[in-house]
Amino acid sequence: MPTIRDLVSAVRQREGVAAAVVLGRDGLLIDGQATAGIDTEGLAAVVPAVLTSSEELGGHAGGITLNTCVLEYEEQIIIICSLTADAILLVVANENADIARLLFELRRNRRRIAAII
């Protein structure tokens, strides 16, 4: 059976992915890999606040449940996936990554990924 480290490594090895991080809802890093200059612990620390605000936004939009949040910045895209009640996957990709394919694969494999956690 694959491990969390295998998951992080597989996501990180995708072309254009600069970081892959699994973290707890408390903001603590479980496992992560990133290119130089990306602070995985710092990312993990701020993601729960972003996720909480995004979940509140969904609540005001009719009580919908958040699965994935995509944030587009000038040269990077950040994807936050709620995997389980306790675990989150964060992906930082550069502008030339195939985001559509990555989002499709994360969505299609969400249950399998969550089972690893």
PDB file of N, CA and C in Angstrom:
ATOM      1  N   MET A   1       0.833  -1.179   0.000  1.00  0.00           N
ATOM      2  CA  MET A   1       0.000   0.000   0.000  1.00  0.00           C
ATOM      3  C   MET A   1       0.883   1.250   0.000  1.00  0.00           C
ATOM      4  N   PRO A   2       0.521   2.253  -0.816  1.00  0.00           N
ATOM      5  CA  PRO A   2       1.319   3.477  -0.846  1.00  0.00           C
ATOM      6  C   PRO A   2       1.247   4.232   0.485  1.00  0.00           C
ATOM      7  N   THR A   3       2.253   5.036   0.728  1.00  0.00           N
ATOM      8  CA  THR A   3       2.320   5.832   1.954  1.00  0.00           C
ATOM      9  C   THR A   3       2.075   7.308   1.630  1.00  0.00           C
ATOM     10  N   ILE A   4       1.971   8.117   2.670  1.00  0.00           N
ATOM     11  CA  ILE A   4       1.825   9.561   2.475  1.00  0.00           C
ATOM     12  C   ILE A   4       3.042  10.099   1.724  1.00  0.00           C
ATOM     13  N   ARG A   5       4.196   9.617   2.063  1.00  0.00           N
ATOM     14  CA  ARG A   5       5.423  10.061   1.388  1.00  0.00           C
ATOM     15  C   ARG A   5       5.379   9.718  -0.100  1.00  0.00           C
ATOM     16  N   ASP A   6       4.845   8.540  -0.447  1.00  0.00           N
ATOM     17  CA  ASP A   6       4.698   8.159  -1.855  1.00  0.00           C
ATOM     18  C   ASP A   6       3.749   9.117  -2.576  1.00  0.00           C
ATOM     19  N   LEU A   7       2.655   9.471  -1.919  1.00  0.00           N
ATOM     20  CA  LEU A   7       1.690  10.401  -2.489  1.00  0.00           C
ATOM     21  C   LEU A   7       2.335  11.758  -2.753  1.00  0.00           C
ATOM     22  N   VAL A   8       3.007  12.295  -1.753  1.00  0.00           N
ATOM     23  CA  VAL A   8       3.656  13.594  -1.884  1.00  0.00           C
ATOM     24  C   VAL A   8       4.684  13.555  -3.012  1.00  0.00           C
ATOM     25  N   SER A   9       5.451  12.512  -3.062  1.00  0.00           N
ATOM     26  CA  SER A   9       6.474  12.373  -4.101  1.00  0.00           C
ATOM     27  C   SER A   9       5.846  12.294  -5.493  1.00  0.00           C
ATOM     28  N   ALA A  10       4.779  11.538  -5.647  1.00  0.00           N
ATOM     29  CA  ALA A  10       4.121  11.390  -6.945  1.00  0.00           C
ATOM     30  C   ALA A  10       3.553  12.723  -7.436  1.00  0.00           C
ATOM     31  N   VAL A  11       2.945  13.472  -6.539  1.00  0.00           N
ATOM     32  CA  VAL A  11       2.390  14.776  -6.927  1.00  0.00           C
ATOM     33  C   VAL A  11       3.529  15.742  -7.240  1.00  0.00           C
ATOM     34  N   ARG A  12       4.529  15.759  -6.414  1.00  0.00           N
ATOM     35  CA  ARG A  12       5.666  16.684  -6.587  1.00  0.00           C
ATOM     36  C   ARG A  12       6.413  16.437  -7.890  1.00  0.00           C
ATOM     37  N   GLN A  13       6.454  15.205  -8.367  1.00  0.00           N
ATOM     38  CA  GLN A  13       7.191  14.868  -9.582  1.00  0.00           C
ATOM     39  C   GLN A  13       6.479  15.282 -10.865  1.00  0.00           C
ATOM     40  N   ARG A  14       5.224  15.691 -10.763  1.00  0.00           N
ATOM     41  CA  ARG A  14       4.496  16.152 -11.941  1.00  0.00           C
ATOM     42  C   ARG A  14       5.153  17.415 -12.485  1.00  0.00           C
ATOM     43  N   GLU A  15       5.166  17.532 -13.788  1.00  0.00           N
ATOM     44  CA  GLU A  15       5.763  18.704 -14.420  1.00  0.00           C
ATOM     45  C   GLU A  15       5.042  19.979 -13.972  1.00  0.00           C
ATOM     46  N   GLY A  16       5.810  20.946 -13.548  1.00  0.00           N
ATOM     47  CA  GLY A  16       5.261  22.225 -13.143  1.00  0.00           C
ATOM     48  C   GLY A  16       4.862  22.326 -11.688  1.00  0.00           C
ATOM     49  N   VAL A  17       4.938  21.228 -10.931  1.00  0.00           N
ATOM     50  CA  VAL A  17       4.567  21.266  -9.518  1.00  0.00           C
ATOM     51  C   VAL A  17       5.804  21.647  -8.696  1.00  0.00           C
ATOM     52  N   ALA A  18       5.678  22.746  -7.968  1.00  0.00           N
ATOM     53  CA  ALA A  18       6.792  23.241  -7.163  1.00  0.00           C
ATOM     54  C   ALA A  18       6.755  22.721  -5.731  1.00  0.00           C
ATOM     55  N   ALA A  19       5.555  22.347  -5.262  1.00  0.00           N
ATOM     56  CA  ALA A  19       5.438  21.838  -3.889  1.00  0.00           C
ATOM     57  C   ALA A  19       4.206  20.963  -3.762  1.00  0.00           C
ATOM     58  N   ALA A  20       4.327  19.949  -2.944  1.00  0.00           N
ATOM     59  CA  ALA A  20       3.205  19.092  -2.560  1.00  0.00           C
ATOM     60  C   ALA A  20       3.335  18.885  -1.058  1.00  0.00           C
ATOM     61  N   VAL A  21       2.249  19.192  -0.344  1.00  0.00           N
ATOM     62  CA  VAL A  21       2.287  19.167   1.116  1.00  0.00           C
ATOM     63  C   VAL A  21       1.019  18.514   1.647  1.00  0.00           C
ATOM     64  N   VAL A  22       1.176  17.596   2.570  1.00  0.00           N
ATOM     65  CA  VAL A  22       0.040  17.050   3.315  1.00  0.00           C
ATOM     66  C   VAL A  22       0.156  17.618   4.718  1.00  0.00           C
ATOM     67  N   LEU A  23      -0.949  18.180   5.197  1.00  0.00           N
ATOM     68  CA  LEU A  23      -0.937  18.801   6.509  1.00  0.00           C
ATOM     69  C   LEU A  23      -2.215  18.473   7.255  1.00  0.00           C
ATOM     70  N   GLY A  24      -2.166  18.661   8.550  1.00  0.00           N
ATOM     71  CA  GLY A  24      -3.348  18.464   9.373  1.00  0.00           C
ATOM     72  C   GLY A  24      -4.173  19.734   9.405  1.00  0.00           C
ATOM     73  N   ARG A  25      -5.423  19.605   9.821  1.00  0.00           N
ATOM     74  CA  ARG A  25      -6.308  20.774   9.939  1.00  0.00           C
ATOM     75  C   ARG A  25      -5.804  21.766  10.980  1.00  0.00           C
ATOM     76  N   ASP A  26      -4.863  21.327  11.795  1.00  0.00           N
ATOM     77  CA  ASP A  26      -4.270  22.206  12.796  1.00  0.00           C
ATOM     78  C   ASP A  26      -3.105  23.020  12.242  1.00  0.00           C
ATOM     79  N   GLY A  27      -2.761  22.791  10.964  1.00  0.00           N
ATOM     80  CA  GLY A  27      -1.676  23.530  10.338  1.00  0.00           C
ATOM     81  C   GLY A  27      -0.309  22.912  10.490  1.00  0.00           C
ATOM     82  N   LEU A  28      -0.250  21.723  11.084  1.00  0.00           N
ATOM     83  CA  LEU A  28       1.039  21.054  11.246  1.00  0.00           C
ATOM     84  C   LEU A  28       1.364  20.220  10.010  1.00  0.00           C
ATOM     85  N   LEU A  29       2.589  20.337   9.560  1.00  0.00           N
ATOM     86  CA  LEU A  29       3.078  19.605   8.400  1.00  0.00           C
ATOM     87  C   LEU A  29       3.140  18.113   8.705  1.00  0.00           C
ATOM     88  N   ILE A  30       2.545  17.304   7.847  1.00  0.00           N
ATOM     89  CA  ILE A  30       2.644  15.848   7.966  1.00  0.00           C
ATOM     90  C   ILE A  30       3.782  15.369   7.086  1.00  0.00           C
ATOM     91  N   ASP A  31       3.783  15.812   5.818  1.00  0.00           N
ATOM     92  CA  ASP A  31       4.875  15.504   4.895  1.00  0.00           C
ATOM     93  C   ASP A  31       4.820  16.510   3.761  1.00  0.00           C
ATOM     94  N   GLY A  32       5.954  16.842   3.212  1.00  0.00           N
ATOM     95  CA  GLY A  32       5.979  17.790   2.111  1.00  0.00           C
ATOM     96  C   GLY A  32       7.300  17.782   1.388  1.00  0.00           C
ATOM     97  N   GLN A  33       7.228  18.117   0.109  1.00  0.00           N
ATOM     98  CA  GLN A  33       8.410  18.286  -0.722  1.00  0.00           C
ATOM     99  C   GLN A  33       8.217  19.543  -1.533  1.00  0.00           C
ATOM    100  N   ALA A  34       9.289  20.324  -1.691  1.00  0.00           N
ATOM    101  CA  ALA A  34       9.178  21.572  -2.436  1.00  0.00           C
ATOM    102  C   ALA A  34      10.521  21.959  -3.035  1.00  0.00           C
ATOM    103  N   THR A  35      10.450  22.802  -4.042  1.00  0.00           N
ATOM    104  CA  THR A  35      11.664  23.362  -4.600  1.00  0.00           C
ATOM    105  C   THR A  35      12.249  24.357  -3.604  1.00  0.00           C
ATOM    106  N   ALA A  36      13.491  24.707  -3.815  1.00  0.00           N
ATOM    107  CA  ALA A  36      14.154  25.670  -2.935  1.00  0.00           C
ATOM    108  C   ALA A  36      13.384  26.982  -2.928  1.00  0.00           C
ATOM    109  N   GLY A  37      13.292  27.586  -1.764  1.00  0.00           N
ATOM    110  CA  GLY A  37      12.621  28.867  -1.639  1.00  0.00           C
ATOM    111  C   GLY A  37      11.168  28.785  -1.218  1.00  0.00           C
ATOM    112  N   ILE A  38      10.601  27.586  -1.169  1.00  0.00           N
ATOM    113  CA  ILE A  38       9.222  27.417  -0.716  1.00  0.00           C
ATOM    114  C   ILE A  38       9.255  26.831   0.686  1.00  0.00           C
ATOM    115  N   ASP A  39       8.635  27.520   1.602  1.00  0.00           N
ATOM    116  CA  ASP A  39       8.609  27.140   3.011  1.00  0.00           C
ATOM    117  C   ASP A  39       7.385  26.246   3.269  1.00  0.00           C
ATOM    118  N   THR A  40       7.573  24.933   3.275  1.00  0.00           N
ATOM    119  CA  THR A  40       6.446  24.013   3.443  1.00  0.00           C
ATOM    120  C   THR A  40       5.782  24.158   4.813  1.00  0.00           C
ATOM    121  N   GLU A  41       6.558  24.398   5.840  1.00  0.00           N
ATOM    122  CA  GLU A  41       5.972  24.574   7.178  1.00  0.00           C
ATOM    123  C   GLU A  41       5.175  25.871   7.262  1.00  0.00           C
ATOM    124  N   GLY A  42       5.671  26.922   6.631  1.00  0.00           N
ATOM    125  CA  GLY A  42       4.950  28.191   6.603  1.00  0.00           C
ATOM    126  C   GLY A  42       3.645  28.071   5.827  1.00  0.00           C
ATOM    127  N   LEU A  43       3.675  27.360   4.699  1.00  0.00           N
ATOM    128  CA  LEU A  43       2.453  27.105   3.933  1.00  0.00           C
ATOM    129  C   LEU A  43       1.449  26.346   4.785  1.00  0.00           C
ATOM    130  N   ALA A  44       1.925  25.278   5.411  1.00  0.00           N
ATOM    131  CA  ALA A  44       1.035  24.447   6.236  1.00  0.00           C
ATOM    132  C   ALA A  44       0.387  25.258   7.350  1.00  0.00           C
ATOM    133  N   ALA A  45       1.113  26.206   7.888  1.00  0.00           N
ATOM    134  CA  ALA A  45       0.593  26.992   9.011  1.00  0.00           C
ATOM    135  C   ALA A  45      -0.560  27.910   8.614  1.00  0.00           C
ATOM    136  N   VAL A  46      -0.566  28.415   7.379  1.00  0.00           N
ATOM    137  CA  VAL A  46      -1.606  29.370   6.983  1.00  0.00           C
ATOM    138  C   VAL A  46      -2.779  28.739   6.246  1.00  0.00           C
ATOM    139  N   VAL A  47      -2.624  27.543   5.739  1.00  0.00           N
ATOM    140  CA  VAL A  47      -3.686  26.905   4.954  1.00  0.00           C
ATOM    141  C   VAL A  47      -4.990  26.716   5.737  1.00  0.00           C
ATOM    142  N   PRO A  48      -4.978  26.288   6.989  1.00  0.00           N
ATOM    143  CA  PRO A  48      -6.259  26.108   7.692  1.00  0.00           C
ATOM    144  C   PRO A  48      -7.126  27.366   7.721  1.00  0.00           C
ATOM    145  N   ALA A  49      -6.515  28.533   7.860  1.00  0.00           N
ATOM    146  CA  ALA A  49      -7.295  29.779   7.867  1.00  0.00           C
ATOM    147  C   ALA A  49      -7.934  30.026   6.504  1.00  0.00           C
ATOM    148  N   VAL A  50      -7.201  29.757   5.438  1.00  0.00           N
ATOM    149  CA  VAL A  50      -7.740  29.909   4.085  1.00  0.00           C
ATOM    150  C   VAL A  50      -8.884  28.931   3.880  1.00  0.00           C
ATOM    151  N   LEU A  51      -8.690  27.706   4.304  1.00  0.00           N
ATOM    152  CA  LEU A  51      -9.715  26.677   4.143  1.00  0.00           C
ATOM    153  C   LEU A  51     -10.967  27.007   4.954  1.00  0.00           C
ATOM    154  N   THR A  52     -10.788  27.458   6.170  1.00  0.00           N
ATOM    155  CA  THR A  52     -11.928  27.822   7.014  1.00  0.00           C
ATOM    156  C   THR A  52     -12.730  28.951   6.377  1.00  0.00           C
ATOM    157  N   SER A  53     -12.053  29.978   5.881  1.00  0.00           N
ATOM    158  CA  SER A  53     -12.748  31.089   5.228  1.00  0.00           C
ATOM    159  C   SER A  53     -13.472  30.619   3.973  1.00  0.00           C
ATOM    160  N   SER A  54     -12.849  29.740   3.214  1.00  0.00           N
ATOM    161  CA  SER A  54     -13.467  29.213   1.998  1.00  0.00           C
ATOM    162  C   SER A  54     -14.696  28.368   2.324  1.00  0.00           C
ATOM    163  N   GLU A  55     -14.623  27.613   3.407  1.00  0.00           N
ATOM    164  CA  GLU A  55     -15.770  26.814   3.837  1.00  0.00           C
ATOM    165  C   GLU A  55     -16.923  27.720   4.283  1.00  0.00           C
ATOM    166  N   GLU A  56     -16.598  28.811   4.962  1.00  0.00           N
ATOM    167  CA  GLU A  56     -17.623  29.773   5.370  1.00  0.00           C
ATOM    168  C   GLU A  56     -18.275  30.412   4.147  1.00  0.00           C
ATOM    169  N   LEU A  57     -17.487  30.711   3.144  1.00  0.00           N
ATOM    170  CA  LEU A  57     -18.008  31.266   1.900  1.00  0.00           C
ATOM    171  C   LEU A  57     -19.016  30.305   1.274  1.00  0.00           C
ATOM    172  N   GLY A  58     -18.677  29.024   1.237  1.00  0.00           N
ATOM    173  CA  GLY A  58     -19.591  28.009   0.715  1.00  0.00           C
ATOM    174  C   GLY A  58     -20.861  27.914   1.535  1.00  0.00           C
ATOM    175  N   GLY A  59     -20.742  28.090   2.822  1.00  0.00           N
ATOM    176  CA  GLY A  59     -21.918  28.073   3.685  1.00  0.00           C
ATOM    177  C   GLY A  59     -22.885  29.192   3.338  1.00  0.00           C
ATOM    178  N   HIS A  60     -22.334  30.354   3.043  1.00  0.00           N
ATOM    179  CA  HIS A  60     -23.176  31.496   2.678  1.00  0.00           C
ATOM    180  C   HIS A  60     -23.729  31.357   1.255  1.00  0.00           C
ATOM    181  N   ALA A  61     -23.136  30.488   0.476  1.00  0.00           N
ATOM    182  CA  ALA A  61     -23.592  30.270  -0.904  1.00  0.00           C
ATOM    183  C   ALA A  61     -24.573  29.104  -0.987  1.00  0.00           C
ATOM    184  N   GLY A  62     -25.131  28.709   0.121  1.00  0.00           N
ATOM    185  CA  GLY A  62     -26.141  27.664   0.104  1.00  0.00           C
ATOM    186  C   GLY A  62     -25.749  26.408   0.847  1.00  0.00           C
ATOM    187  N   GLY A  63     -24.718  26.490   1.664  1.00  0.00           N
ATOM    188  CA  GLY A  63     -24.345  25.336   2.474  1.00  0.00           C
ATOM    189  C   GLY A  63     -23.594  24.256   1.722  1.00  0.00           C
ATOM    190  N   ILE A  64     -22.938  24.625   0.631  1.00  0.00           N
ATOM    191  CA  ILE A  64     -22.201  23.634  -0.149  1.00  0.00           C
ATOM    192  C   ILE A  64     -20.897  23.260   0.547  1.00  0.00           C
ATOM    193  N   THR A  65     -20.463  22.034   0.324  1.00  0.00           N
ATOM    194  CA  THR A  65     -19.255  21.512   0.956  1.00  0.00           C
ATOM    195  C   THR A  65     -18.038  21.783   0.080  1.00  0.00           C
ATOM    196  N   LEU A  66     -16.973  22.272   0.679  1.00  0.00           N
ATOM    197  CA  LEU A  66     -15.744  22.552  -0.043  1.00  0.00           C
ATOM    198  C   LEU A  66     -14.929  21.271  -0.219  1.00  0.00           C
ATOM    199  N   ASN A  67     -14.553  20.990  -1.460  1.00  0.00           N
ATOM    200  CA  ASN A  67     -13.651  19.886  -1.745  1.00  0.00           C
ATOM    201  C   ASN A  67     -12.279  20.400  -2.147  1.00  0.00           C
ATOM    202  N   THR A  68     -12.266  21.387  -3.046  1.00  0.00           N
ATOM    203  CA  THR A  68     -11.015  21.913  -3.587  1.00  0.00           C
ATOM    204  C   THR A  68     -11.108  23.422  -3.730  1.00  0.00           C
ATOM    205  N   CYS A  69     -10.032  24.078  -3.400  1.00  0.00           N
ATOM    206  CA  CYS A  69      -9.933  25.528  -3.531  1.00  0.00           C
ATOM    207  C   CYS A  69      -8.730  25.812  -4.446  1.00  0.00           C
ATOM    208  N   VAL A  70      -8.936  26.636  -5.465  1.00  0.00           N
ATOM    209  CA  VAL A  70      -7.861  26.981  -6.394  1.00  0.00           C
ATOM    210  C   VAL A  70      -7.622  28.487  -6.308  1.00  0.00           C
ATOM    211  N   LEU A  71      -6.392  28.855  -6.025  1.00  0.00           N
ATOM    212  CA  LEU A  71      -6.007  30.255  -5.912  1.00  0.00           C
ATOM    213  C   LEU A  71      -4.974  30.563  -6.989  1.00  0.00           C
ATOM    214  N   GLU A  72      -5.276  31.545  -7.816  1.00  0.00           N
ATOM    215  CA  GLU A  72      -4.359  31.891  -8.896  1.00  0.00           C
ATOM    216  C   GLU A  72      -3.602  33.165  -8.539  1.00  0.00           C
ATOM    217  N   TYR A  73      -2.292  33.068  -8.555  1.00  0.00           N
ATOM    218  CA  TYR A  73      -1.416  34.201  -8.308  1.00  0.00           C
ATOM    219  C   TYR A  73      -0.716  34.560  -9.607  1.00  0.00           C
ATOM    220  N   GLU A  74       0.112  35.567  -9.582  1.00  0.00           N
ATOM    221  CA  GLU A  74       0.741  36.058 -10.799  1.00  0.00           C
ATOM    222  C   GLU A  74       1.507  34.967 -11.549  1.00  0.00           C
ATOM    223  N   GLU A  75       2.303  34.176 -10.851  1.00  0.00           N
ATOM    224  CA  GLU A  75       3.111  33.160 -11.521  1.00  0.00           C
ATOM    225  C   GLU A  75       2.911  31.759 -10.959  1.00  0.00           C
ATOM    226  N   GLN A  76       1.968  31.613 -10.037  1.00  0.00           N
ATOM    227  CA  GLN A  76       1.733  30.301  -9.430  1.00  0.00           C
ATOM    228  C   GLN A  76       0.248  30.083  -9.190  1.00  0.00           C
ATOM    229  N   ILE A  77      -0.095  28.823  -9.101  1.00  0.00           N
ATOM    230  CA  ILE A  77      -1.451  28.430  -8.742  1.00  0.00           C
ATOM    231  C   ILE A  77      -1.343  27.525  -7.531  1.00  0.00           C
ATOM    232  N   ILE A  78      -2.166  27.791  -6.531  1.00  0.00           N
ATOM    233  CA  ILE A  78      -2.176  26.981  -5.320  1.00  0.00           C
ATOM    234  C   ILE A  78      -3.499  26.235  -5.264  1.00  0.00           C
ATOM    235  N   ILE A  79      -3.405  24.934  -5.069  1.00  0.00           N
ATOM    236  CA  ILE A  79      -4.580  24.067  -4.978  1.00  0.00           C
ATOM    237  C   ILE A  79      -4.625  23.509  -3.565  1.00  0.00           C
ATOM    238  N   ILE A  80      -5.767  23.673  -2.906  1.00  0.00           N
ATOM    239  CA  ILE A  80      -5.968  23.143  -1.560  1.00  0.00           C
ATOM    240  C   ILE A  80      -7.106  22.143  -1.635  1.00  0.00           C
ATOM    241  N   CYS A  81      -6.835  20.891  -1.288  1.00  0.00           N
ATOM    242  CA  CYS A  81      -7.844  19.824  -1.331  1.00  0.00           C
ATOM    243  C   CYS A  81      -8.126  19.331   0.083  1.00  0.00           C
ATOM    244  N   SER A  82      -9.378  19.359   0.441  1.00  0.00           N
ATOM    245  CA  SER A  82      -9.799  18.790   1.712  1.00  0.00           C
ATOM    246  C   SER A  82      -9.939  17.288   1.509  1.00  0.00           C
ATOM    247  N   LEU A  83      -9.068  16.508   2.143  1.00  0.00           N
ATOM    248  CA  LEU A  83      -9.053  15.060   1.921  1.00  0.00           C
ATOM    249  C   LEU A  83      -9.931  14.315   2.923  1.00  0.00           C
ATOM    250  N   THR A  84      -9.733  14.628   4.197  1.00  0.00           N
ATOM    251  CA  THR A  84     -10.501  13.995   5.272  1.00  0.00           C
ATOM    252  C   THR A  84     -10.845  15.076   6.286  1.00  0.00           C
ATOM    253  N   ALA A  85     -11.518  14.692   7.340  1.00  0.00           N
ATOM    254  CA  ALA A  85     -11.831  15.658   8.397  1.00  0.00           C
ATOM    255  C   ALA A  85     -10.560  16.188   9.061  1.00  0.00           C
ATOM    256  N   ASP A  86      -9.453  15.463   8.912  1.00  0.00           N
ATOM    257  CA  ASP A  86      -8.211  15.839   9.585  1.00  0.00           C
ATOM    258  C   ASP A  86      -7.046  16.171   8.668  1.00  0.00           C
ATOM    259  N   ALA A  87      -7.166  15.949   7.345  1.00  0.00           N
ATOM    260  CA  ALA A  87      -6.012  16.099   6.458  1.00  0.00           C
ATOM    261  C   ALA A  87      -6.333  16.923   5.217  1.00  0.00           C
ATOM    262  N   ILE A  88      -5.321  17.658   4.783  1.00  0.00           N
ATOM    263  CA  ILE A  88      -5.418  18.561   3.638  1.00  0.00           C
ATOM    264  C   ILE A  88      -4.213  18.308   2.731  1.00  0.00           C
ATOM    265  N   LEU A  89      -4.439  18.392   1.427  1.00  0.00           N
ATOM    266  CA  LEU A  89      -3.351  18.335   0.451  1.00  0.00           C
ATOM    267  C   LEU A  89      -3.224  19.717  -0.172  1.00  0.00           C
ATOM    268  N   LEU A  90      -2.014  20.240  -0.183  1.00  0.00           N
ATOM    269  CA  LEU A  90      -1.714  21.530  -0.788  1.00  0.00           C
ATOM    270  C   LEU A  90      -0.732  21.307  -1.935  1.00  0.00           C
ATOM    271  N   VAL A  91      -1.028  21.879  -3.087  1.00  0.00           N
ATOM    272  CA  VAL A  91      -0.139  21.780  -4.245  1.00  0.00           C
ATOM    273  C   VAL A  91       0.154  23.191  -4.734  1.00  0.00           C
ATOM    274  N   VAL A  92       1.420  23.495  -4.929  1.00  0.00           N
ATOM    275  CA  VAL A  92       1.840  24.761  -5.524  1.00  0.00           C
ATOM    276  C   VAL A  92       2.393  24.423  -6.900  1.00  0.00           C
ATOM    277  N   ALA A  93       1.784  25.023  -7.930  1.00  0.00           N
ATOM    278  CA  ALA A  93       2.203  24.745  -9.305  1.00  0.00           C
ATOM    279  C   ALA A  93       2.576  26.052  -9.994  1.00  0.00           C
ATOM    280  N   ASN A  94       3.512  25.961 -10.921  1.00  0.00           N
ATOM    281  CA  ASN A  94       3.864  27.172 -11.662  1.00  0.00           C
ATOM    282  C   ASN A  94       2.917  27.338 -12.847  1.00  0.00           C
ATOM    283  N   GLU A  95       3.020  28.456 -13.513  1.00  0.00           N
ATOM    284  CA  GLU A  95       2.053  28.825 -14.539  1.00  0.00           C
ATOM    285  C   GLU A  95       2.036  27.913 -15.757  1.00  0.00           C
ATOM    286  N   ASN A  96       3.059  27.125 -15.994  1.00  0.00           N
ATOM    287  CA  ASN A  96       3.048  26.237 -17.154  1.00  0.00           C
ATOM    288  C   ASN A  96       2.698  24.793 -16.790  1.00  0.00           C
ATOM    289  N   ALA A  97       2.209  24.553 -15.604  1.00  0.00           N
ATOM    290  CA  ALA A  97       1.738  23.214 -15.223  1.00  0.00           C
ATOM    291  C   ALA A  97       0.376  22.960 -15.868  1.00  0.00           C
ATOM    292  N   ASP A  98       0.074  21.707 -16.107  1.00  0.00           N
ATOM    293  CA  ASP A  98      -1.228  21.331 -16.668  1.00  0.00           C
ATOM    294  C   ASP A  98      -2.235  21.243 -15.514  1.00  0.00           C
ATOM    295  N   ILE A  99      -2.775  22.382 -15.146  1.00  0.00           N
ATOM    296  CA  ILE A  99      -3.663  22.480 -13.991  1.00  0.00           C
ATOM    297  C   ILE A  99      -4.953  21.691 -14.205  1.00  0.00           C
ATOM    298  N   ALA A 100      -5.495  21.751 -15.401  1.00  0.00           N
ATOM    299  CA  ALA A 100      -6.747  21.037 -15.669  1.00  0.00           C
ATOM    300  C   ALA A 100      -6.580  19.543 -15.433  1.00  0.00           C
ATOM    301  N   ARG A 101      -5.517  18.984 -15.921  1.00  0.00           N
ATOM    302  CA  ARG A 101      -5.264  17.547 -15.736  1.00  0.00           C
ATOM    303  C   ARG A 101      -5.010  17.222 -14.265  1.00  0.00           C
ATOM    304  N   LEU A 102      -4.241  18.076 -13.597  1.00  0.00           N
ATOM    305  CA  LEU A 102      -3.957  17.863 -12.180  1.00  0.00           C
ATOM    306  C   LEU A 102      -5.246  17.897 -11.360  1.00  0.00           C
ATOM    307  N   LEU A 103      -6.103  18.890 -11.608  1.00  0.00           N
ATOM    308  CA  LEU A 103      -7.375  18.969 -10.894  1.00  0.00           C
ATOM    309  C   LEU A 103      -8.250  17.755 -11.178  1.00  0.00           C
ATOM    310  N   PHE A 104      -8.282  17.321 -12.434  1.00  0.00           N
ATOM    311  CA  PHE A 104      -9.058  16.143 -12.798  1.00  0.00           C
ATOM    312  C   PHE A 104      -8.575  14.911 -12.032  1.00  0.00           C
ATOM    313  N   GLU A 105      -7.264  14.713 -12.000  1.00  0.00           N
ATOM    314  CA  GLU A 105      -6.710  13.542 -11.322  1.00  0.00           C
ATOM    315  C   GLU A 105      -6.919  13.602  -9.815  1.00  0.00           C
ATOM    316  N   LEU A 106      -6.789  14.774  -9.232  1.00  0.00           N
ATOM    317  CA  LEU A 106      -7.039  14.902  -7.792  1.00  0.00           C
ATOM    318  C   LEU A 106      -8.501  14.598  -7.479  1.00  0.00           C
ATOM    319  N   ARG A 107      -9.387  15.110  -8.306  1.00  0.00           N
ATOM    320  CA  ARG A 107     -10.817  14.862  -8.082  1.00  0.00           C
ATOM    321  C   ARG A 107     -11.165  13.387  -8.272  1.00  0.00           C
ATOM    322  N   ARG A 108     -10.649  12.804  -9.337  1.00  0.00           N
ATOM    323  CA  ARG A 108     -10.950  11.402  -9.638  1.00  0.00           C
ATOM    324  C   ARG A 108     -10.386  10.467  -8.568  1.00  0.00           C
ATOM    325  N   ASN A 109      -9.257  10.815  -7.995  1.00  0.00           N
ATOM    326  CA  ASN A 109      -8.577   9.929  -7.044  1.00  0.00           C
ATOM    327  C   ASN A 109      -8.720  10.368  -5.594  1.00  0.00           C
ATOM    328  N   ARG A 110      -9.619  11.291  -5.324  1.00  0.00           N
ATOM    329  CA  ARG A 110      -9.773  11.833  -3.965  1.00  0.00           C
ATOM    330  C   ARG A 110      -9.944  10.740  -2.915  1.00  0.00           C
ATOM    331  N   ARG A 111     -10.797   9.769  -3.170  1.00  0.00           N
ATOM    332  CA  ARG A 111     -11.050   8.696  -2.175  1.00  0.00           C
ATOM    333  C   ARG A 111      -9.803   7.839  -1.958  1.00  0.00           C
ATOM    334  N   ARG A 112      -9.104   7.527  -3.038  1.00  0.00           N
ATOM    335  CA  ARG A 112      -7.881   6.723  -2.904  1.00  0.00           C
ATOM    336  C   ARG A 112      -6.802   7.489  -2.137  1.00  0.00           C
ATOM    337  N   ILE A 113      -6.691   8.786  -2.430  1.00  0.00           N
ATOM    338  CA  ILE A 113      -5.723   9.614  -1.723  1.00  0.00           C
ATOM    339  C   ILE A 113      -6.090   9.685  -0.239  1.00  0.00           C
ATOM    340  N   ALA A 114      -7.355   9.909   0.043  1.00  0.00           N
ATOM    341  CA  ALA A 114      -7.805  10.000   1.442  1.00  0.00           C
ATOM    342  C   ALA A 114      -7.556   8.693   2.186  1.00  0.00           C
ATOM    343  N   ALA A 115      -7.678   7.563   1.493  1.00  0.00           N
ATOM    344  CA  ALA A 115      -7.448   6.266   2.135  1.00  0.00           C
ATOM    345  C   ALA A 115      -5.991   6.096   2.576  1.00  0.00           C
ATOM    346  N   ILE A 116      -5.080   6.756   1.869  1.00  0.00           N
ATOM    347  CA  ILE A 116      -3.661   6.695   2.246  1.00  0.00           C
ATOM    348  C   ILE A 116      -3.427   7.441   3.558  1.00  0.00           C
ATOM    349  N   ILE A 117      -4.169   8.509   3.736  1.00  0.00           N
ATOM    350  CA  ILE A 117      -4.006   9.350   4.911  1.00  0.00           C
ATOM    351  C   ILE A 117      -4.563   8.608   6.111  1.00  0.00           C
TER     352      ILE A 117
END
